[in-house]
């Protein structure tokens, strides 16, 4: 159950960071956009790692 919550929260953070990155690039704030994009990539990596662990059943 906790794995599902971790994956859901990670997906929400990824989605918010990605939308914020797009908005920052649109608003010509390159530094914030790059920071938010990096944050979204890190969350995407974490989410994929958690999904793989859940599929293997090693939790």
PDB file of N, CA and C in Angstrom:
ATOM      1  N   UNK A   1       0.813  -1.193   0.000  1.00  0.00           N
ATOM      2  CA  UNK A   1       0.000   0.000   0.000  1.00  0.00           C
ATOM      3  C   UNK A   1       0.857   1.259   0.000  1.00  0.00           C
ATOM      4  N   UNK A   2       1.942   1.247   0.785  1.00  0.00           N
ATOM      5  CA  UNK A   2       2.785   2.437   0.832  1.00  0.00           C
ATOM      6  C   UNK A   2       3.471   2.689  -0.500  1.00  0.00           C
ATOM      7  N   UNK A   3       3.761   1.628  -1.236  1.00  0.00           N
ATOM      8  CA  UNK A   3       4.384   1.796  -2.548  1.00  0.00           C
ATOM      9  C   UNK A   3       3.452   2.559  -3.477  1.00  0.00           C
ATOM     10  N   UNK A   4       2.155   2.247  -3.405  1.00  0.00           N
ATOM     11  CA  UNK A   4       1.187   2.943  -4.247  1.00  0.00           C
ATOM     12  C   UNK A   4       1.116   4.420  -3.896  1.00  0.00           C
ATOM     13  N   UNK A   5       1.177   4.732  -2.606  1.00  0.00           N
ATOM     14  CA  UNK A   5       1.138   6.131  -2.183  1.00  0.00           C
ATOM     15  C   UNK A   5       2.397   6.853  -2.646  1.00  0.00           C
ATOM     16  N   UNK A   6       3.555   6.208  -2.518  1.00  0.00           N
ATOM     17  CA  UNK A   6       4.806   6.819  -2.976  1.00  0.00           C
ATOM     18  C   UNK A   6       4.760   7.101  -4.473  1.00  0.00           C
ATOM     19  N   UNK A   7       4.257   6.153  -5.236  1.00  0.00           N
ATOM     20  CA  UNK A   7       4.185   6.324  -6.685  1.00  0.00           C
ATOM     21  C   UNK A   7       3.208   7.438  -7.039  1.00  0.00           C
ATOM     22  N   UNK A   8       2.075   7.500  -6.363  1.00  0.00           N
ATOM     23  CA  UNK A   8       1.083   8.540  -6.640  1.00  0.00           C
ATOM     24  C   UNK A   8       1.620   9.928  -6.320  1.00  0.00           C
ATOM     25  N   UNK A   9       2.259  10.070  -5.163  1.00  0.00           N
ATOM     26  CA  UNK A   9       2.819  11.369  -4.779  1.00  0.00           C
ATOM     27  C   UNK A   9       3.940  11.765  -5.728  1.00  0.00           C
ATOM     28  N   UNK A  10       4.769  10.823  -6.110  1.00  0.00           N
ATOM     29  CA  UNK A  10       5.848  11.113  -7.048  1.00  0.00           C
ATOM     30  C   UNK A  10       5.296  11.561  -8.394  1.00  0.00           C
ATOM     31  N   UNK A  11       4.206  10.944  -8.847  1.00  0.00           N
ATOM     32  CA  UNK A  11       3.594  11.343 -10.112  1.00  0.00           C
ATOM     33  C   UNK A  11       3.015  12.752 -10.020  1.00  0.00           C
ATOM     34  N   UNK A  12       2.384  13.080  -8.905  1.00  0.00           N
ATOM     35  CA  UNK A  12       1.818  14.424  -8.732  1.00  0.00           C
ATOM     36  C   UNK A  12       2.926  15.471  -8.721  1.00  0.00           C
ATOM     37  N   UNK A  13       4.021  15.198  -8.008  1.00  0.00           N
ATOM     38  CA  UNK A  13       5.146  16.134  -7.979  1.00  0.00           C
ATOM     39  C   UNK A  13       5.748  16.279  -9.367  1.00  0.00           C
ATOM     40  N   UNK A  14       5.884  15.165 -10.093  1.00  0.00           N
ATOM     41  CA  UNK A  14       6.402  15.221 -11.459  1.00  0.00           C
ATOM     42  C   UNK A  14       5.520  16.093 -12.344  1.00  0.00           C
ATOM     43  N   UNK A  15       4.219  15.889 -12.250  1.00  0.00           N
ATOM     44  CA  UNK A  15       3.284  16.642 -13.082  1.00  0.00           C
ATOM     45  C   UNK A  15       3.339  18.131 -12.772  1.00  0.00           C
ATOM     46  N   UNK A  16       3.335  18.491 -11.495  1.00  0.00           N
ATOM     47  CA  UNK A  16       3.377  19.906 -11.099  1.00  0.00           C
ATOM     48  C   UNK A  16       4.695  20.542 -11.527  1.00  0.00           C
ATOM     49  N   UNK A  17       5.812  19.853 -11.321  1.00  0.00           N
ATOM     50  CA  UNK A  17       7.113  20.403 -11.702  1.00  0.00           C
ATOM     51  C   UNK A  17       7.218  20.565 -13.212  1.00  0.00           C
ATOM     52  N   UNK A  18       6.680  19.618 -13.963  1.00  0.00           N
ATOM     53  CA  UNK A  18       6.744  19.711 -15.421  1.00  0.00           C
ATOM     54  C   UNK A  18       5.888  20.866 -15.936  1.00  0.00           C
ATOM     55  N   UNK A  19       4.693  21.016 -15.386  1.00  0.00           N
ATOM     56  CA  UNK A  19       3.832  22.137 -15.791  1.00  0.00           C
ATOM     57  C   UNK A  19       4.476  23.462 -15.407  1.00  0.00           C
ATOM     58  N   UNK A  20       5.086  23.532 -14.220  1.00  0.00           N
ATOM     59  CA  UNK A  20       5.770  24.753 -13.805  1.00  0.00           C
ATOM     60  C   UNK A  20       6.956  25.052 -14.713  1.00  0.00           C
ATOM     61  N   UNK A  21       7.668  24.018 -15.163  1.00  0.00           N
ATOM     62  CA  UNK A  21       8.791  24.225 -16.081  1.00  0.00           C
ATOM     63  C   UNK A  21       8.302  24.794 -17.403  1.00  0.00           C
ATOM     64  N   UNK A  22       7.223  24.258 -17.931  1.00  0.00           N
ATOM     65  CA  UNK A  22       6.681  24.769 -19.194  1.00  0.00           C
ATOM     66  C   UNK A  22       6.236  26.216 -19.037  1.00  0.00           C
ATOM     67  N   UNK A  23       5.551  26.514 -17.921  1.00  0.00           N
ATOM     68  CA  UNK A  23       5.104  27.886 -17.681  1.00  0.00           C
ATOM     69  C   UNK A  23       6.294  28.830 -17.527  1.00  0.00           C
ATOM     70  N   UNK A  24       7.354  28.384 -16.859  1.00  0.00           N
ATOM     71  CA  UNK A  24       8.526  29.232 -16.665  1.00  0.00           C
ATOM     72  C   UNK A  24       9.217  29.522 -17.992  1.00  0.00           C
ATOM     73  N   UNK A  25       9.307  28.527 -18.867  1.00  0.00           N
ATOM     74  CA  UNK A  25       9.891  28.774 -20.183  1.00  0.00           C
ATOM     75  C   UNK A  25       9.020  29.731 -20.985  1.00  0.00           C
ATOM     76  N   UNK A  26       7.712  29.599 -20.857  1.00  0.00           N
ATOM     77  CA  UNK A  26       6.783  30.489 -21.555  1.00  0.00           C
ATOM     78  C   UNK A  26       6.911  31.914 -21.035  1.00  0.00           C
ATOM     79  N   UNK A  27       7.179  32.052 -19.742  1.00  0.00           N
ATOM     80  CA  UNK A  27       7.285  33.365 -19.107  1.00  0.00           C
ATOM     81  C   UNK A  27       8.707  33.923 -19.208  1.00  0.00           C
ATOM     82  N   UNK A  28       9.570  33.290 -19.992  1.00  0.00           N
ATOM     83  CA  UNK A  28      10.958  33.699 -20.225  1.00  0.00           C
ATOM     84  C   UNK A  28      11.799  33.701 -18.952  1.00  0.00           C
ATOM     85  N   UNK A  29      11.527  32.801 -18.054  1.00  0.00           N
ATOM     86  CA  UNK A  29      12.336  32.631 -16.854  1.00  0.00           C
ATOM     87  C   UNK A  29      13.096  31.316 -17.008  1.00  0.00           C
ATOM     88  N   UNK A  30      14.217  31.401 -17.693  1.00  0.00           N
ATOM     89  CA  UNK A  30      14.958  30.207 -18.088  1.00  0.00           C
ATOM     90  C   UNK A  30      15.520  29.461 -16.875  1.00  0.00           C
ATOM     91  N   UNK A  31      16.049  30.192 -15.888  1.00  0.00           N
ATOM     92  CA  UNK A  31      16.663  29.539 -14.728  1.00  0.00           C
ATOM     93  C   UNK A  31      15.630  28.729 -13.940  1.00  0.00           C
ATOM     94  N   UNK A  32      14.466  29.297 -13.690  1.00  0.00           N
ATOM     95  CA  UNK A  32      13.415  28.560 -12.986  1.00  0.00           C
ATOM     96  C   UNK A  32      12.925  27.385 -13.814  1.00  0.00           C
ATOM     97  N   UNK A  33      12.831  27.581 -15.115  1.00  0.00           N
ATOM     98  CA  UNK A  33      12.390  26.505 -15.992  1.00  0.00           C
ATOM     99  C   UNK A  33      13.338  25.325 -15.981  1.00  0.00           C
ATOM    100  N   UNK A  34      14.632  25.614 -16.027  1.00  0.00           N
ATOM    101  CA  UNK A  34      15.631  24.542 -16.001  1.00  0.00           C
ATOM    102  C   UNK A  34      15.601  23.826 -14.652  1.00  0.00           C
ATOM    103  N   UNK A  35      15.478  24.586 -13.569  1.00  0.00           N
ATOM    104  CA  UNK A  35      15.400  23.977 -12.241  1.00  0.00           C
ATOM    105  C   UNK A  35      14.186  23.080 -12.092  1.00  0.00           C
ATOM    106  N   UNK A  36      13.042  23.545 -12.556  1.00  0.00           N
ATOM    107  CA  UNK A  36      11.820  22.742 -12.470  1.00  0.00           C
ATOM    108  C   UNK A  36      11.909  21.524 -13.378  1.00  0.00           C
ATOM    109  N   UNK A  37      12.550  21.678 -14.539  1.00  0.00           N
ATOM    110  CA  UNK A  37      12.705  20.548 -15.453  1.00  0.00           C
ATOM    111  C   UNK A  37      13.607  19.477 -14.843  1.00  0.00           C
ATOM    112  N   UNK A  38      14.681  19.904 -14.181  1.00  0.00           N
ATOM    113  CA  UNK A  38      15.566  18.953 -13.508  1.00  0.00           C
ATOM    114  C   UNK A  38      14.820  18.248 -12.379  1.00  0.00           C
ATOM    115  N   UNK A  39      14.024  19.000 -11.634  1.00  0.00           N
ATOM    116  CA  UNK A  39      13.221  18.403 -10.556  1.00  0.00           C
ATOM    117  C   UNK A  39      12.246  17.374 -11.115  1.00  0.00           C
ATOM    118  N   UNK A  40      11.626  17.684 -12.239  1.00  0.00           N
ATOM    119  CA  UNK A  40      10.680  16.736 -12.828  1.00  0.00           C
ATOM    120  C   UNK A  40      11.398  15.486 -13.335  1.00  0.00           C
ATOM    121  N   UNK A  41      12.600  15.639 -13.881  1.00  0.00           N
ATOM    122  CA  UNK A  41      13.350  14.468 -14.336  1.00  0.00           C
ATOM    123  C   UNK A  41      13.766  13.574 -13.169  1.00  0.00           C
ATOM    124  N   UNK A  42      14.182  14.184 -12.064  1.00  0.00           N
ATOM    125  CA  UNK A  42      14.562  13.401 -10.884  1.00  0.00           C
ATOM    126  C   UNK A  42      13.351  12.639 -10.359  1.00  0.00           C
ATOM    127  N   UNK A  43      12.194  13.289 -10.315  1.00  0.00           N
ATOM    128  CA  UNK A  43      10.985  12.607  -9.852  1.00  0.00           C
ATOM    129  C   UNK A  43      10.558  11.507 -10.814  1.00  0.00           C
ATOM    130  N   UNK A  44      10.745  11.720 -12.103  1.00  0.00           N
ATOM    131  CA  UNK A  44      10.424  10.685 -13.081  1.00  0.00           C
ATOM    132  C   UNK A  44      11.324   9.467 -12.880  1.00  0.00           C
ATOM    133  N   UNK A  45      12.616   9.705 -12.646  1.00  0.00           N
ATOM    134  CA  UNK A  45      13.545   8.608 -12.383  1.00  0.00           C
ATOM    135  C   UNK A  45      13.129   7.836 -11.128  1.00  0.00           C
ATOM    136  N   UNK A  46      12.793   8.560 -10.060  1.00  0.00           N
ATOM    137  CA  UNK A  46      12.375   7.921  -8.813  1.00  0.00           C
ATOM    138  C   UNK A  46      11.096   7.120  -9.019  1.00  0.00           C
ATOM    139  N   UNK A  47      10.160   7.669  -9.779  1.00  0.00           N
ATOM    140  CA  UNK A  47       8.893   6.985 -10.009  1.00  0.00           C
ATOM    141  C   UNK A  47       9.109   5.695 -10.803  1.00  0.00           C
ATOM    142  N   UNK A  48       9.954   5.731 -11.816  1.00  0.00           N
ATOM    143  CA  UNK A  48      10.241   4.531 -12.604  1.00  0.00           C
ATOM    144  C   UNK A  48      10.932   3.478 -11.739  1.00  0.00           C
ATOM    145  N   UNK A  49      11.851   3.930 -10.883  1.00  0.00           N
ATOM    146  CA  UNK A  49      12.535   2.997  -9.983  1.00  0.00           C
ATOM    147  C   UNK A  49      11.542   2.325  -9.033  1.00  0.00           C
ATOM    148  N   UNK A  50      10.616   3.085  -8.493  1.00  0.00           N
ATOM    149  CA  UNK A  50       9.613   2.523  -7.587  1.00  0.00           C
ATOM    150  C   UNK A  50       8.673   1.567  -8.325  1.00  0.00           C
ATOM    151  N   UNK A  51       8.310   1.898  -9.551  1.00  0.00           N
ATOM    152  CA  UNK A  51       7.448   1.004 -10.326  1.00  0.00           C
ATOM    153  C   UNK A  51       8.139  -0.322 -10.614  1.00  0.00           C
ATOM    154  N   UNK A  52       9.443  -0.273 -10.929  1.00  0.00           N
ATOM    155  CA  UNK A  52      10.191  -1.505 -11.167  1.00  0.00           C
ATOM    156  C   UNK A  52      10.272  -2.349  -9.903  1.00  0.00           C
ATOM    157  N   UNK A  53      10.504  -1.697  -8.756  1.00  0.00           N
ATOM    158  CA  UNK A  53      10.560  -2.439  -7.499  1.00  0.00           C
ATOM    159  C   UNK A  53       9.211  -3.061  -7.170  1.00  0.00           C
ATOM    160  N   UNK A  54       8.145  -2.339  -7.450  1.00  0.00           N
ATOM    161  CA  UNK A  54       6.814  -2.870  -7.165  1.00  0.00           C
ATOM    162  C   UNK A  54       6.520  -4.070  -8.055  1.00  0.00           C
ATOM    163  N   UNK A  55       6.923  -3.988  -9.309  1.00  0.00           N
ATOM    164  CA  UNK A  55       6.671  -5.092 -10.233  1.00  0.00           C
ATOM    165  C   UNK A  55       7.443  -6.341  -9.824  1.00  0.00           C
ATOM    166  N   UNK A  56       8.677  -6.148  -9.352  1.00  0.00           N
ATOM    167  CA  UNK A  56       9.483  -7.294  -8.931  1.00  0.00           C
ATOM    168  C   UNK A  56       8.999  -7.877  -7.609  1.00  0.00           C
ATOM    169  N   UNK A  57       8.312  -7.086  -6.821  1.00  0.00           N
ATOM    170  CA  UNK A  57       7.806  -7.573  -5.549  1.00  0.00           C
ATOM    171  C   UNK A  57       8.830  -7.556  -4.439  1.00  0.00           C
ATOM    172  N   UNK A  58       9.870  -6.736  -4.583  1.00  0.00           N
ATOM    173  CA  UNK A  58      10.918  -6.652  -3.562  1.00  0.00           C
ATOM    174  C   UNK A  58      10.675  -5.493  -2.610  1.00  0.00           C
ATOM    175  N   UNK A  59       9.490  -5.368  -2.135  1.00  0.00           N
ATOM    176  CA  UNK A  59       9.218  -4.290  -1.187  1.00  0.00           C
ATOM    177  C   UNK A  59       8.715  -4.869   0.048  1.00  0.00           C
TER     178      UNK A  59
END
